[in-house]
Amino acid sequence: MAHYGFSHLDSINASIRMLYRKLGNSRIMSFNRDLNNPAFQISSSQNQSNQVESFARAIAEHYRMSIGRVVASFKDIPNKAAHVDLSASSDFVVEVNTQAVQHSDDLLAVLAHEVTHTYLHRTGLHFSETMENEILTDTAATYLGLGNLILNAYCEQKKRIDRNTTEFGTKWFGYLTPVEFGYILAKRAKKFNCNPVPHLKRDASYAFYAGLAVLQTEYRFPPFNGATRPARLRYLWNRRRAGNKSIADRPSDPLLSYYDQGYAFEMHDQLSVIFKCPSCSQRLRIPAFRRLISVRCPKCECTYECAT
């Protein structure tokens, strides 16, 4: 099923890499607080415009971003849950699709995306392609502390039509699948050493665990010390093969790629192994010694034990 796919992982990791490149590790670490649904005071007496204003201001405060007036309109928007006007200077002007956004949790998820859109626009973070920008927005919102708001709007729906017929459906908001949101949330949990599960609803927690399972596989490739035994044996074979090839054997390209297995070897003065940091996707290069070494990513400052 489409909502269980992981087809956007390359774009997600490119987005996280941009966040670290533009914001830096210290600024990202300042977003150590998660916004959770119970923190928002939801009153049945509030009309939708007042809810939009109070929610938007709380999310903007999370980003330490000032906004002027909050102008909300409610209409039927084809193929979108909401749309924010990025040309509105310091004001937050948003249109909300009343057909798609029906509950407070829906509104929180939608505003998490739209306020993040505004934050990225003001910070100057963007890609050239529209779809890549939407993925960047979903990724940034989740990685910087709004993931619980987004995932808690995800639910599997079951509707009984008659005695013999049951209709199943799925609802979520964003350009990523629920399990991809879970993958980003798992990356955040590992980076900030936190556990989002107590703050997630049932379906949202399933999506988180599915994303966590995919993330954990990324730590089971060499040269990480937690690599599986078969992967380690293939690595040793490939390292020997790379070491036996001199620069003269491949003068135009000293790189021997095994990126489908998570690494590559490069020969200059000595043999090195190249791999991506699983936290921020920064490319790391270390000598291919026959021992256990500790590697610290210069971009996100995460540390890994590697057997090279």
Protein backbone atom coordinates (compact mmCIF):
# COMPACT_ATOMS: atom_id res chain seq x y z
CA MET A 1 0.00 0.00 0.00
CA ALA A 2 1.27 3.49 -0.91
CA HIS A 3 1.10 4.87 2.63
CA TYR A 4 3.52 2.17 3.78
CA GLY A 5 6.21 2.98 1.18
CA PHE A 6 9.66 4.53 1.58
CA SER A 7 10.10 6.03 -1.89
CA HIS A 8 11.29 9.47 -0.67
CA LEU A 9 14.24 8.49 1.55
CA ASP A 10 16.85 10.12 -0.71
CA SER A 11 14.91 13.40 -0.70
CA ILE A 12 14.37 13.18 3.07
CA ASN A 13 18.08 12.72 3.74
CA ALA A 14 18.97 15.50 1.30
CA SER A 15 16.60 17.73 3.28
CA ILE A 16 18.21 16.81 6.61
CA ARG A 17 21.63 17.44 5.07
CA MET A 18 20.47 20.93 4.01
CA LEU A 19 19.15 21.65 7.51
CA TYR A 20 22.57 20.90 8.99
CA ARG A 21 24.38 22.85 6.28
CA LYS A 22 22.21 25.97 6.65
CA LEU A 23 21.29 25.94 10.34
CA GLY A 24 24.27 24.16 11.91
CA ASN A 25 24.26 21.56 14.65
CA SER A 26 23.99 23.99 17.58
CA ARG A 27 20.87 25.65 16.16
CA ILE A 28 19.27 22.29 15.39
CA MET A 29 20.04 21.12 18.93
CA SER A 30 18.19 24.16 20.25
CA PHE A 31 14.96 22.49 19.01
CA ASN A 32 15.17 19.87 21.74
CA ARG A 33 11.55 20.34 22.83
CA ASP A 34 8.73 18.49 21.08
CA LEU A 35 5.32 20.05 20.67
CA ASN A 36 2.61 17.57 21.61
CA ASN A 37 -1.14 17.66 21.06
CA PRO A 38 -2.16 17.97 24.75
CA ALA A 39 -0.11 21.18 25.05
CA PHE A 40 -2.66 22.99 22.90
CA GLN A 41 -5.70 24.27 24.73
CA ILE A 42 -8.65 23.21 22.60
CA SER A 43 -11.97 24.72 23.55
CA SER A 44 -15.27 23.70 22.00
CA SER A 45 -16.38 27.31 22.26
CA GLN A 46 -13.53 28.51 20.01
CA ASN A 47 -14.39 29.12 16.38
CA GLN A 48 -12.02 27.90 13.67
CA SER A 49 -10.40 31.30 13.10
CA ASN A 50 -9.48 31.60 16.77
CA GLN A 51 -8.11 28.04 16.77
CA VAL A 52 -5.95 28.79 13.74
CA GLU A 53 -4.58 31.92 15.41
CA SER A 54 -3.77 30.27 18.76
CA PHE A 55 -2.26 27.17 17.12
CA ALA A 56 -0.23 29.14 14.58
CA ARG A 57 1.20 31.47 17.21
CA ALA A 58 2.21 28.55 19.45
CA ILE A 59 3.98 26.80 16.56
CA ALA A 60 5.66 30.06 15.47
CA GLU A 61 6.89 30.52 19.04
CA HIS A 62 8.48 27.06 18.82
CA TYR A 63 10.54 28.42 15.90
CA ARG A 64 11.22 31.67 17.81
CA MET A 65 9.55 33.41 14.90
CA SER A 66 7.40 36.50 15.28
CA ILE A 67 4.24 36.80 13.25
CA GLY A 68 1.95 39.79 12.93
CA ARG A 69 -1.70 39.28 12.13
CA VAL A 70 -3.07 35.79 11.58
CA VAL A 71 -5.57 35.85 8.72
CA ALA A 72 -7.39 32.57 8.12
CA SER A 73 -9.98 31.77 5.46
CA PHE A 74 -11.84 28.51 5.00
CA LYS A 75 -12.72 27.20 1.58
CA ASP A 76 -12.59 24.17 -0.68
CA ILE A 77 -9.01 23.98 -2.05
CA PRO A 78 -8.47 21.33 -4.76
CA ASN A 79 -5.79 18.75 -3.85
CA LYS A 80 -4.52 20.66 -0.80
CA ALA A 81 -5.30 20.74 2.88
CA ALA A 82 -4.09 24.32 3.20
CA HIS A 83 -2.11 27.05 1.51
CA VAL A 84 0.02 29.78 3.08
CA ASP A 85 0.82 33.11 1.44
CA LEU A 86 4.59 33.52 1.70
CA SER A 87 4.49 37.08 0.34
CA ALA A 88 2.53 38.41 3.31
CA SER A 89 5.53 40.06 5.06
CA SER A 90 5.24 39.47 8.81
CA ASP A 91 1.60 38.37 8.70
CA PHE A 92 0.53 34.73 8.57
CA VAL A 93 -2.13 34.39 5.89
CA VAL A 94 -3.47 30.88 5.41
CA GLU A 95 -6.32 29.23 3.55
CA VAL A 96 -7.66 26.00 5.07
CA ASN A 97 -9.57 23.33 3.17
CA THR A 98 -12.72 22.72 5.21
CA GLN A 99 -13.35 19.40 3.41
CA ALA A 100 -9.98 17.94 4.47
CA VAL A 101 -9.45 19.57 7.88
CA GLN A 102 -12.27 18.48 10.16
CA HIS A 103 -10.74 18.00 13.62
CA SER A 104 -8.30 19.82 15.87
CA ASP A 105 -5.62 17.17 15.30
CA ASP A 106 -6.02 17.73 11.55
CA LEU A 107 -5.60 21.46 12.00
CA LEU A 108 -2.46 21.03 14.12
CA ALA A 109 -0.88 18.78 11.49
CA VAL A 110 -1.71 21.19 8.68
CA LEU A 111 -0.46 24.26 10.57
CA ALA A 112 2.75 22.44 11.54
CA HIS A 113 3.50 22.18 7.82
CA GLU A 114 2.38 25.70 6.88
CA VAL A 115 4.16 27.52 9.73
CA THR A 116 7.31 25.52 8.92
CA HIS A 117 6.90 26.64 5.30
CA THR A 118 6.98 30.22 6.54
CA TYR A 119 9.99 29.57 8.79
CA LEU A 120 12.00 28.00 5.96
CA HIS A 121 11.06 30.85 3.64
CA ARG A 122 12.26 33.46 6.13
CA THR A 123 15.43 31.48 6.84
CA GLY A 124 16.22 31.10 3.13
CA LEU A 125 16.08 27.31 3.03
CA HIS A 126 14.70 25.97 -0.23
CA PHE A 127 15.28 23.69 -3.18
CA SER A 128 14.63 24.59 -6.80
CA GLU A 129 11.85 22.03 -7.34
CA THR A 130 8.38 22.46 -5.79
CA MET A 131 8.02 18.83 -4.71
CA GLU A 132 11.49 18.82 -3.14
CA ASN A 133 10.50 21.94 -1.19
CA GLU A 134 7.35 20.27 0.10
CA ILE A 135 9.40 17.27 1.25
CA LEU A 136 11.90 19.66 2.85
CA THR A 137 9.02 21.29 4.74
CA ASP A 138 7.62 17.97 6.00
CA THR A 139 11.11 16.80 6.93
CA ALA A 140 12.05 20.01 8.75
CA ALA A 141 8.76 20.12 10.66
CA THR A 142 9.23 16.55 11.86
CA TYR A 143 12.96 16.76 12.59
CA LEU A 144 12.70 20.09 14.43
CA GLY A 145 10.03 19.00 16.90
CA LEU A 146 6.59 18.99 15.24
CA GLY A 147 6.53 15.35 14.17
CA ASN A 148 4.10 14.25 16.87
CA LEU A 149 1.57 16.85 15.71
CA ILE A 150 1.82 15.62 12.12
CA LEU A 151 1.75 11.88 12.83
CA ASN A 152 -1.12 12.06 15.31
CA ALA A 153 -3.43 13.15 12.49
CA TYR A 154 -2.72 9.81 10.76
CA CYS A 155 -5.36 7.15 11.27
CA GLU A 156 -6.64 3.97 9.67
CA GLN A 157 -10.38 4.33 9.22
CA LYS A 158 -12.94 1.53 9.06
CA LYS A 159 -16.53 2.18 8.10
CA ARG A 160 -19.27 -0.45 8.11
CA ILE A 161 -21.40 -0.07 4.98
CA ASP A 162 -23.71 -3.01 5.57
CA ARG A 163 -23.61 -6.45 7.15
CA ASN A 164 -21.32 -7.85 4.47
CA THR A 165 -19.32 -4.77 3.48
CA THR A 166 -16.69 -2.79 5.37
CA GLU A 167 -14.90 0.16 3.82
CA PHE A 168 -11.30 0.85 4.80
CA GLY A 169 -9.51 4.14 4.39
CA THR A 170 -6.45 6.03 5.51
CA LYS A 171 -6.09 9.69 6.43
CA TRP A 172 -2.91 11.66 6.92
CA PHE A 173 -1.49 15.04 5.96
CA GLY A 174 1.72 15.81 4.12
CA TYR A 175 3.68 14.86 1.05
CA LEU A 176 5.42 11.92 2.73
CA THR A 177 3.93 8.61 3.76
CA PRO A 178 3.17 8.00 7.46
CA VAL A 179 6.05 5.53 7.76
CA GLU A 180 8.42 8.08 6.21
CA PHE A 181 7.34 10.55 8.88
CA GLY A 182 8.07 7.73 11.33
CA TYR A 183 11.55 7.36 9.83
CA ILE A 184 12.32 11.07 10.33
CA LEU A 185 10.89 10.96 13.85
CA ALA A 186 13.14 7.96 14.58
CA LYS A 187 16.14 9.96 13.37
CA ARG A 188 15.15 12.79 15.69
CA ALA A 189 14.65 10.38 18.60
CA LYS A 190 18.15 8.96 18.10
CA LYS A 191 19.73 12.39 17.75
CA PHE A 192 18.00 13.88 20.80
CA ASN A 193 17.87 10.65 22.83
CA CYS A 194 14.11 10.88 23.33
CA ASN A 195 11.15 8.53 23.05
CA PRO A 196 8.12 9.92 21.17
CA VAL A 197 5.92 6.83 21.61
CA PRO A 198 4.11 7.96 24.81
CA HIS A 199 2.93 11.03 22.89
CA LEU A 200 1.72 9.14 19.80
CA LYS A 201 -1.65 7.61 19.11
CA ARG A 202 -1.91 3.95 18.12
CA ASP A 203 -1.65 4.28 14.35
CA ALA A 204 1.03 6.96 14.66
CA SER A 205 3.14 4.70 16.90
CA TYR A 206 2.91 1.88 14.31
CA ALA A 207 4.23 4.30 11.68
CA PHE A 208 7.06 5.34 14.00
CA TYR A 209 8.15 1.74 14.65
CA ALA A 210 8.07 0.98 10.91
CA GLY A 211 10.32 3.98 10.28
CA LEU A 212 12.58 3.02 13.17
CA ALA A 213 13.06 -0.46 11.69
CA VAL A 214 14.30 1.06 8.42
CA LEU A 215 16.63 3.45 10.25
CA GLN A 216 18.12 0.61 12.29
CA THR A 217 19.13 -1.22 9.10
CA GLU A 218 21.30 1.76 8.17
CA TYR A 219 23.47 1.04 11.21
CA ARG A 220 23.94 -2.60 10.18
CA PHE A 221 26.14 -1.82 7.17
CA PRO A 222 29.93 -1.75 7.41
CA PRO A 223 32.01 -0.03 8.51
CA PHE A 224 29.68 0.44 11.52
CA ASN A 225 30.56 -1.89 14.36
CA GLY A 226 26.96 -3.14 14.48
CA ALA A 227 27.11 -4.55 10.94
CA THR A 228 25.68 -8.01 10.42
CA ARG A 229 28.11 -10.90 9.99
CA PRO A 230 27.30 -11.49 6.27
CA ALA A 231 27.71 -7.76 5.56
CA ARG A 232 31.01 -7.75 7.48
CA LEU A 233 32.34 -10.69 5.47
CA ARG A 234 31.42 -9.00 2.18
CA TYR A 235 33.11 -5.83 3.41
CA LEU A 236 36.34 -7.68 4.22
CA TRP A 237 36.33 -9.30 0.78
CA ASN A 238 35.70 -5.97 -0.94
CA ARG A 239 38.37 -4.24 1.13
CA ARG A 240 40.95 -6.87 0.15
CA ARG A 241 39.94 -6.49 -3.49
CA ALA A 242 40.24 -2.70 -3.26
CA GLY A 243 43.62 -2.95 -1.54
CA ASN A 244 44.96 -5.18 -4.30
CA LYS A 245 44.13 -2.56 -6.94
CA SER A 246 46.80 0.11 -7.20
CA ILE A 247 46.20 3.62 -8.49
CA ALA A 248 47.84 2.54 -11.73
CA ASP A 249 45.02 0.03 -12.22
CA ARG A 250 42.42 2.83 -12.20
CA PRO A 251 44.30 6.11 -12.80
CA SER A 252 41.21 8.17 -13.73
CA ASP A 253 39.01 6.98 -10.86
CA PRO A 254 40.57 5.94 -7.54
CA LEU A 255 37.06 5.18 -6.18
CA LEU A 256 35.76 1.62 -5.94
CA SER A 257 32.06 1.93 -5.15
CA TYR A 258 29.91 -0.44 -3.13
CA TYR A 259 27.26 2.18 -2.31
CA ASP A 260 24.52 -0.43 -2.70
CA GLN A 261 26.14 -1.94 0.41
CA GLY A 262 26.60 1.41 2.14
CA TYR A 263 30.25 2.31 1.42
CA ALA A 264 33.01 2.82 -1.12
CA PHE A 265 36.80 2.48 -1.06
CA GLU A 266 39.26 5.09 -2.27
CA MET A 267 42.97 4.70 -2.85
CA HIS A 268 45.32 7.66 -2.70
CA ASP A 269 48.32 7.44 -0.37
CA GLN A 270 46.41 4.82 1.61
CA LEU A 271 43.17 2.90 1.38
CA SER A 272 40.17 4.77 2.81
CA VAL A 273 36.54 3.83 3.26
CA ILE A 274 33.80 6.36 2.45
CA PHE A 275 30.28 6.19 3.89
CA LYS A 276 27.42 8.49 4.84
CA CYS A 277 26.66 9.62 8.36
CA PRO A 278 23.28 8.00 9.13
CA SER A 279 22.24 11.07 11.08
CA CYS A 280 22.89 13.90 8.61
CA SER A 281 24.13 12.14 5.42
CA GLN A 282 27.48 13.95 5.52
CA ARG A 283 30.05 11.93 3.57
CA LEU A 284 32.71 10.58 5.90
CA ARG A 285 36.14 9.30 4.86
CA ILE A 286 38.37 7.35 7.23
CA PRO A 287 41.47 5.15 6.80
CA ALA A 288 40.63 1.48 6.27
CA PHE A 289 42.68 0.19 9.19
CA ARG A 290 42.14 -3.28 10.59
CA ARG A 291 40.87 -2.11 13.94
CA LEU A 292 38.00 -0.49 15.83
CA ILE A 293 38.01 3.30 15.72
CA SER A 294 35.65 6.05 16.91
CA VAL A 295 34.43 8.43 14.22
CA ARG A 296 32.87 11.83 14.91
CA CYS A 297 30.84 13.51 12.17
CA PRO A 298 32.00 17.12 11.77
CA LYS A 299 28.55 18.26 10.62
CA CYS A 300 26.13 16.84 13.21
CA GLU A 301 28.76 15.83 15.82
CA CYS A 302 27.38 12.30 16.20
CA THR A 303 29.93 9.64 17.13
CA TYR A 304 30.10 6.10 15.76
CA GLU A 305 32.17 3.01 16.48
CA CYS A 306 33.54 1.67 13.19
CA ALA A 307 35.52 -1.47 12.37
CA THR A 308 37.25 -0.47 9.14
